[in-house]
Amino acid sequence: MTETIGFILIVCGLIFDFSGCLGLVRLPDVYNRLQSSTKCVTLGTCLILLGAVFYNGINAVGIKAILCIWFIFMTSPTAAHAISRASHKAGYKLWKGSACDKYLEDRQGSLKKEDS
């Protein structure tokens, strides 16, 4: 039973990783691509690792997979935020179809407050 659950989790993780790879190819700008890749790494890879835990059980492999899941959940969103902020500060423009740029609005608002 646990092997079946592990197999299903691994397949779901592979589907998420595949959709993230498609997002890297199809999405228009660095921010959308970053969002797609972060989602696939965080959810897809963690599902694959969780599937490995269910498939192998709690042994050396399972404990390493759990540690990797914890590490990915802690670092992937933080790294994506840092890359996105650095891209914005470096001047990479949003896609012309983007609805708004809240970071730019916040930045301009703080500059106006400093001038006052």
N, C-alpha and C. Protein backbone atom coordinates (compact mmCIF):
# COMPACT_ATOMS: atom_id res chain seq x y z
N MET A 1 0.81 -1.20 0.00
CA MET A 1 0.00 0.00 0.00
C MET A 1 0.86 1.26 0.00
N THR A 2 1.90 1.29 0.85
CA THR A 2 2.74 2.48 0.90
C THR A 2 3.54 2.64 -0.39
N GLU A 3 3.87 1.54 -1.05
CA GLU A 3 4.57 1.65 -2.33
C GLU A 3 3.67 2.28 -3.39
N THR A 4 2.38 1.97 -3.35
CA THR A 4 1.43 2.57 -4.29
C THR A 4 1.29 4.06 -4.03
N ILE A 5 1.19 4.45 -2.77
CA ILE A 5 1.10 5.87 -2.43
C ILE A 5 2.38 6.59 -2.86
N GLY A 6 3.52 5.97 -2.62
CA GLY A 6 4.79 6.54 -3.04
C GLY A 6 4.87 6.71 -4.55
N PHE A 7 4.40 5.71 -5.28
CA PHE A 7 4.40 5.79 -6.75
C PHE A 7 3.49 6.92 -7.24
N ILE A 8 2.32 7.06 -6.63
CA ILE A 8 1.38 8.12 -7.03
C ILE A 8 1.98 9.50 -6.73
N LEU A 9 2.62 9.66 -5.57
CA LEU A 9 3.26 10.93 -5.24
C LEU A 9 4.40 11.26 -6.21
N ILE A 10 5.16 10.26 -6.58
CA ILE A 10 6.26 10.49 -7.53
C ILE A 10 5.72 10.91 -8.89
N VAL A 11 4.66 10.26 -9.35
CA VAL A 11 4.06 10.62 -10.64
C VAL A 11 3.49 12.04 -10.58
N CYS A 12 2.81 12.39 -9.49
CA CYS A 12 2.29 13.76 -9.34
C CYS A 12 3.43 14.77 -9.34
N GLY A 13 4.52 14.47 -8.66
CA GLY A 13 5.68 15.36 -8.65
C GLY A 13 6.29 15.53 -10.03
N LEU A 14 6.35 14.44 -10.78
CA LEU A 14 6.87 14.53 -12.15
C LEU A 14 5.97 15.39 -13.03
N ILE A 15 4.67 15.29 -12.84
CA ILE A 15 3.73 16.12 -13.61
C ILE A 15 3.94 17.60 -13.28
N PHE A 16 4.10 17.93 -11.99
CA PHE A 16 4.35 19.31 -11.60
C PHE A 16 5.69 19.80 -12.15
N ASP A 17 6.72 18.96 -12.09
CA ASP A 17 8.01 19.37 -12.64
C ASP A 17 7.93 19.59 -14.15
N PHE A 18 7.20 18.72 -14.84
CA PHE A 18 7.04 18.88 -16.29
C PHE A 18 6.30 20.17 -16.62
N SER A 19 5.25 20.48 -15.85
CA SER A 19 4.51 21.72 -16.12
C SER A 19 5.38 22.94 -15.82
N GLY A 20 6.25 22.86 -14.83
CA GLY A 20 7.18 23.96 -14.56
C GLY A 20 8.17 24.15 -15.69
N CYS A 21 8.63 23.05 -16.28
CA CYS A 21 9.53 23.15 -17.44
C CYS A 21 8.82 23.78 -18.62
N LEU A 22 7.57 23.43 -18.83
CA LEU A 22 6.80 24.07 -19.89
C LEU A 22 6.65 25.57 -19.63
N GLY A 23 6.45 25.93 -18.38
CA GLY A 23 6.34 27.33 -18.02
C GLY A 23 7.61 28.10 -18.31
N LEU A 24 8.76 27.47 -18.10
CA LEU A 24 10.02 28.14 -18.40
C LEU A 24 10.16 28.44 -19.89
N VAL A 25 9.61 27.58 -20.71
CA VAL A 25 9.71 27.76 -22.16
C VAL A 25 8.64 28.72 -22.67
N ARG A 26 7.44 28.66 -22.12
CA ARG A 26 6.30 29.36 -22.69
C ARG A 26 6.01 30.74 -22.11
N LEU A 27 6.39 31.01 -20.89
CA LEU A 27 6.02 32.27 -20.25
C LEU A 27 6.89 33.43 -20.75
N PRO A 28 6.35 34.66 -20.73
CA PRO A 28 6.98 35.76 -21.46
C PRO A 28 8.16 36.48 -20.79
N ASP A 29 8.19 36.59 -19.47
CA ASP A 29 9.27 37.37 -18.87
C ASP A 29 9.89 36.63 -17.69
N VAL A 30 10.95 37.23 -17.15
CA VAL A 30 11.72 36.58 -16.10
C VAL A 30 10.88 36.34 -14.85
N TYR A 31 9.95 37.21 -14.55
CA TYR A 31 9.16 37.09 -13.32
C TYR A 31 8.16 35.94 -13.42
N ASN A 32 7.50 35.81 -14.56
CA ASN A 32 6.58 34.69 -14.76
C ASN A 32 7.34 33.36 -14.80
N ARG A 33 8.47 33.36 -15.45
CA ARG A 33 9.28 32.13 -15.51
C ARG A 33 9.79 31.74 -14.13
N LEU A 34 10.17 32.73 -13.36
CA LEU A 34 10.64 32.47 -12.00
C LEU A 34 9.53 31.88 -11.14
N GLN A 35 8.33 32.42 -11.29
CA GLN A 35 7.19 31.89 -10.54
C GLN A 35 6.92 30.44 -10.93
N SER A 36 6.97 30.16 -12.21
CA SER A 36 6.72 28.80 -12.68
C SER A 36 7.79 27.83 -12.17
N SER A 37 9.04 28.23 -12.27
CA SER A 37 10.11 27.32 -11.83
C SER A 37 10.11 27.13 -10.32
N THR A 38 9.76 28.15 -9.57
CA THR A 38 9.72 28.02 -8.11
C THR A 38 8.61 27.08 -7.68
N LYS A 39 7.45 27.21 -8.33
CA LYS A 39 6.34 26.31 -7.99
C LYS A 39 6.71 24.86 -8.30
N CYS A 40 7.33 24.64 -9.45
CA CYS A 40 7.62 23.24 -9.80
C CYS A 40 8.69 22.67 -8.89
N VAL A 41 9.68 23.46 -8.51
CA VAL A 41 10.71 22.94 -7.62
C VAL A 41 10.13 22.68 -6.24
N THR A 42 9.39 23.64 -5.73
CA THR A 42 8.88 23.49 -4.37
C THR A 42 7.88 22.35 -4.27
N LEU A 43 6.89 22.34 -5.14
CA LEU A 43 5.86 21.31 -5.03
C LEU A 43 6.26 20.01 -5.72
N GLY A 44 6.74 20.10 -6.95
CA GLY A 44 7.07 18.89 -7.71
C GLY A 44 8.17 18.08 -7.09
N THR A 45 9.28 18.72 -6.79
CA THR A 45 10.42 18.00 -6.23
C THR A 45 10.11 17.49 -4.83
N CYS A 46 9.38 18.28 -4.05
CA CYS A 46 9.02 17.80 -2.71
C CYS A 46 8.06 16.62 -2.77
N LEU A 47 7.17 16.59 -3.75
CA LEU A 47 6.30 15.42 -3.91
C LEU A 47 7.10 14.19 -4.32
N ILE A 48 8.08 14.37 -5.18
CA ILE A 48 8.94 13.25 -5.56
C ILE A 48 9.69 12.72 -4.35
N LEU A 49 10.24 13.62 -3.55
CA LEU A 49 10.97 13.19 -2.35
C LEU A 49 10.04 12.55 -1.33
N LEU A 50 8.84 13.09 -1.18
CA LEU A 50 7.88 12.48 -0.27
C LEU A 50 7.47 11.09 -0.77
N GLY A 51 7.32 10.96 -2.08
CA GLY A 51 7.05 9.65 -2.65
C GLY A 51 8.17 8.66 -2.36
N ALA A 52 9.41 9.15 -2.39
CA ALA A 52 10.55 8.28 -2.05
C ALA A 52 10.49 7.84 -0.59
N VAL A 53 10.03 8.75 0.27
CA VAL A 53 9.89 8.38 1.69
C VAL A 53 8.85 7.28 1.84
N PHE A 54 7.69 7.44 1.18
CA PHE A 54 6.66 6.41 1.26
C PHE A 54 7.12 5.11 0.61
N TYR A 55 7.83 5.22 -0.48
CA TYR A 55 8.26 4.02 -1.22
C TYR A 55 9.32 3.24 -0.46
N ASN A 56 10.28 3.95 0.15
CA ASN A 56 11.39 3.28 0.84
C ASN A 56 11.17 3.11 2.33
N GLY A 57 10.29 3.89 2.92
CA GLY A 57 10.08 3.82 4.36
C GLY A 57 11.03 4.77 5.08
N ILE A 58 10.93 4.75 6.40
CA ILE A 58 11.78 5.61 7.21
C ILE A 58 13.08 4.86 7.49
N ASN A 59 14.04 5.10 6.63
CA ASN A 59 15.39 4.57 6.80
C ASN A 59 16.35 5.69 6.43
N ALA A 60 17.58 5.38 6.11
CA ALA A 60 18.55 6.43 5.78
C ALA A 60 18.09 7.26 4.58
N VAL A 61 17.55 6.59 3.58
CA VAL A 61 17.07 7.30 2.38
C VAL A 61 15.88 8.19 2.74
N GLY A 62 14.96 7.68 3.52
CA GLY A 62 13.78 8.44 3.91
C GLY A 62 14.12 9.68 4.73
N ILE A 63 15.04 9.52 5.65
CA ILE A 63 15.44 10.65 6.49
C ILE A 63 16.14 11.72 5.65
N LYS A 64 16.98 11.29 4.72
CA LYS A 64 17.64 12.26 3.83
C LYS A 64 16.61 12.97 2.96
N ALA A 65 15.61 12.25 2.49
CA ALA A 65 14.56 12.86 1.67
C ALA A 65 13.76 13.88 2.49
N ILE A 66 13.46 13.56 3.74
CA ILE A 66 12.74 14.50 4.60
C ILE A 66 13.58 15.75 4.84
N LEU A 67 14.86 15.59 5.07
CA LEU A 67 15.75 16.74 5.25
C LEU A 67 15.81 17.59 3.98
N CYS A 68 15.84 16.94 2.83
CA CYS A 68 15.84 17.67 1.56
C CYS A 68 14.54 18.44 1.35
N ILE A 69 13.41 17.82 1.73
CA ILE A 69 12.12 18.52 1.64
C ILE A 69 12.14 19.76 2.51
N TRP A 70 12.61 19.65 3.72
CA TRP A 70 12.68 20.79 4.62
C TRP A 70 13.58 21.88 4.04
N PHE A 71 14.74 21.48 3.51
CA PHE A 71 15.68 22.45 2.94
C PHE A 71 15.06 23.16 1.73
N ILE A 72 14.37 22.44 0.87
CA ILE A 72 13.75 23.05 -0.31
C ILE A 72 12.65 24.01 0.11
N PHE A 73 11.82 23.63 1.07
CA PHE A 73 10.76 24.53 1.53
C PHE A 73 11.31 25.80 2.16
N MET A 74 12.49 25.73 2.77
CA MET A 74 13.07 26.92 3.39
C MET A 74 13.80 27.81 2.39
N THR A 75 14.43 27.23 1.39
CA THR A 75 15.32 28.01 0.53
C THR A 75 14.70 28.43 -0.80
N SER A 76 13.87 27.62 -1.38
CA SER A 76 13.36 27.91 -2.73
C SER A 76 12.54 29.20 -2.80
N PRO A 77 11.54 29.40 -1.94
CA PRO A 77 10.80 30.67 -2.01
C PRO A 77 11.67 31.88 -1.68
N THR A 78 12.60 31.73 -0.75
CA THR A 78 13.48 32.84 -0.39
C THR A 78 14.39 33.20 -1.55
N ALA A 79 14.95 32.19 -2.21
CA ALA A 79 15.82 32.45 -3.36
C ALA A 79 15.04 33.08 -4.51
N ALA A 80 13.82 32.63 -4.74
CA ALA A 80 13.00 33.21 -5.81
C ALA A 80 12.70 34.67 -5.53
N HIS A 81 12.42 35.00 -4.27
CA HIS A 81 12.17 36.39 -3.91
C HIS A 81 13.42 37.24 -4.14
N ALA A 82 14.57 36.73 -3.75
CA ALA A 82 15.81 37.48 -3.92
C ALA A 82 16.14 37.68 -5.40
N ILE A 83 15.95 36.66 -6.21
CA ILE A 83 16.22 36.77 -7.65
C ILE A 83 15.25 37.75 -8.29
N SER A 84 13.99 37.68 -7.91
CA SER A 84 12.99 38.59 -8.46
C SER A 84 13.29 40.04 -8.10
N ARG A 85 13.65 40.27 -6.87
CA ARG A 85 13.96 41.64 -6.44
C ARG A 85 15.21 42.15 -7.14
N ALA A 86 16.22 41.31 -7.27
CA ALA A 86 17.44 41.71 -7.96
C ALA A 86 17.17 42.00 -9.44
N SER A 87 16.31 41.21 -10.05
CA SER A 87 15.95 41.44 -11.46
C SER A 87 15.24 42.77 -11.61
N HIS A 88 14.35 43.08 -10.67
CA HIS A 88 13.63 44.35 -10.74
C HIS A 88 14.58 45.53 -10.54
N LYS A 89 15.48 45.41 -9.59
CA LYS A 89 16.44 46.49 -9.35
C LYS A 89 17.41 46.64 -10.51
N ALA A 90 17.71 45.55 -11.22
CA ALA A 90 18.61 45.61 -12.37
C ALA A 90 17.93 46.21 -13.59
N GLY A 91 16.61 46.37 -13.53
CA GLY A 91 15.91 47.04 -14.61
C GLY A 91 15.19 46.14 -15.59
N TYR A 92 15.05 44.87 -15.28
CA TYR A 92 14.29 43.99 -16.16
C TYR A 92 12.82 44.38 -16.10
N LYS A 93 12.26 44.70 -17.24
CA LYS A 93 10.88 45.15 -17.31
C LYS A 93 9.91 43.98 -17.23
N LEU A 94 8.74 44.27 -16.70
CA LEU A 94 7.66 43.29 -16.69
C LEU A 94 7.11 43.15 -18.10
N TRP A 95 6.47 42.05 -18.36
CA TRP A 95 5.81 41.82 -19.62
C TRP A 95 4.74 42.88 -19.81
N LYS A 96 4.56 43.34 -21.05
CA LYS A 96 3.61 44.43 -21.31
C LYS A 96 2.18 44.07 -20.93
N GLY A 97 1.85 42.80 -20.84
CA GLY A 97 0.52 42.38 -20.45
C GLY A 97 0.33 42.24 -18.95
N SER A 98 1.35 42.56 -18.16
CA SER A 98 1.24 42.48 -16.71
C SER A 98 0.25 43.51 -16.20
N ALA A 99 -0.50 43.16 -15.19
CA ALA A 99 -1.55 44.04 -14.68
C ALA A 99 -0.98 45.24 -13.94
N CYS A 100 0.01 45.03 -13.07
CA CYS A 100 0.56 46.13 -12.30
C CYS A 100 1.94 45.75 -11.78
N ASP A 101 2.62 46.74 -11.28
CA ASP A 101 3.95 46.55 -10.71
C ASP A 101 3.95 47.12 -9.29
N LYS A 102 3.54 46.32 -8.34
CA LYS A 102 3.40 46.78 -6.95
C LYS A 102 4.75 47.16 -6.34
N TYR A 103 5.80 46.45 -6.72
CA TYR A 103 7.11 46.78 -6.15
C TYR A 103 7.54 48.18 -6.58
N LEU A 104 7.31 48.52 -7.84
CA LEU A 104 7.65 49.86 -8.32
C LEU A 104 6.79 50.92 -7.63
N GLU A 105 5.50 50.62 -7.44
CA GLU A 105 4.62 51.57 -6.75
C GLU A 105 5.08 51.79 -5.31
N ASP A 106 5.45 50.72 -4.62
CA ASP A 106 5.94 50.84 -3.24
C ASP A 106 7.25 51.63 -3.20
N ARG A 107 8.11 51.36 -4.17
CA ARG A 107 9.40 52.04 -4.22
C ARG A 107 9.22 53.54 -4.48
N GLN A 108 8.33 53.88 -5.41
CA GLN A 108 8.08 55.28 -5.71
C GLN A 108 7.40 55.97 -4.52
N GLY A 109 6.52 55.26 -3.83
CA GLY A 109 5.87 55.82 -2.65
C GLY A 109 6.87 56.12 -1.55
N SER A 110 7.84 55.25 -1.36
CA SER A 110 8.85 55.48 -0.31
C SER A 110 9.79 56.61 -0.71
N LEU A 111 10.05 56.76 -2.01
CA LEU A 111 10.89 57.87 -2.46
C LEU A 111 10.19 59.20 -2.25
N LYS A 112 8.86 59.25 -2.47
CA LYS A 112 8.10 60.48 -2.26
C LYS A 112 8.11 60.87 -0.78
N LYS A 113 8.03 59.86 0.12
CA LYS A 113 8.04 60.13 1.55
C LYS A 113 9.40 60.69 1.99
N GLU A 114 10.49 60.20 1.36
CA GLU A 114 11.82 60.67 1.72
C GLU A 114 12.03 62.10 1.26
N ASP A 115 11.42 62.47 0.13
CA ASP A 115 11.55 63.83 -0.39
C ASP A 115 10.81 64.84 0.46
N SER A 116 9.77 64.41 1.14
CA SER A 116 8.94 65.34 1.94
C SER A 116 9.62 65.79 3.19
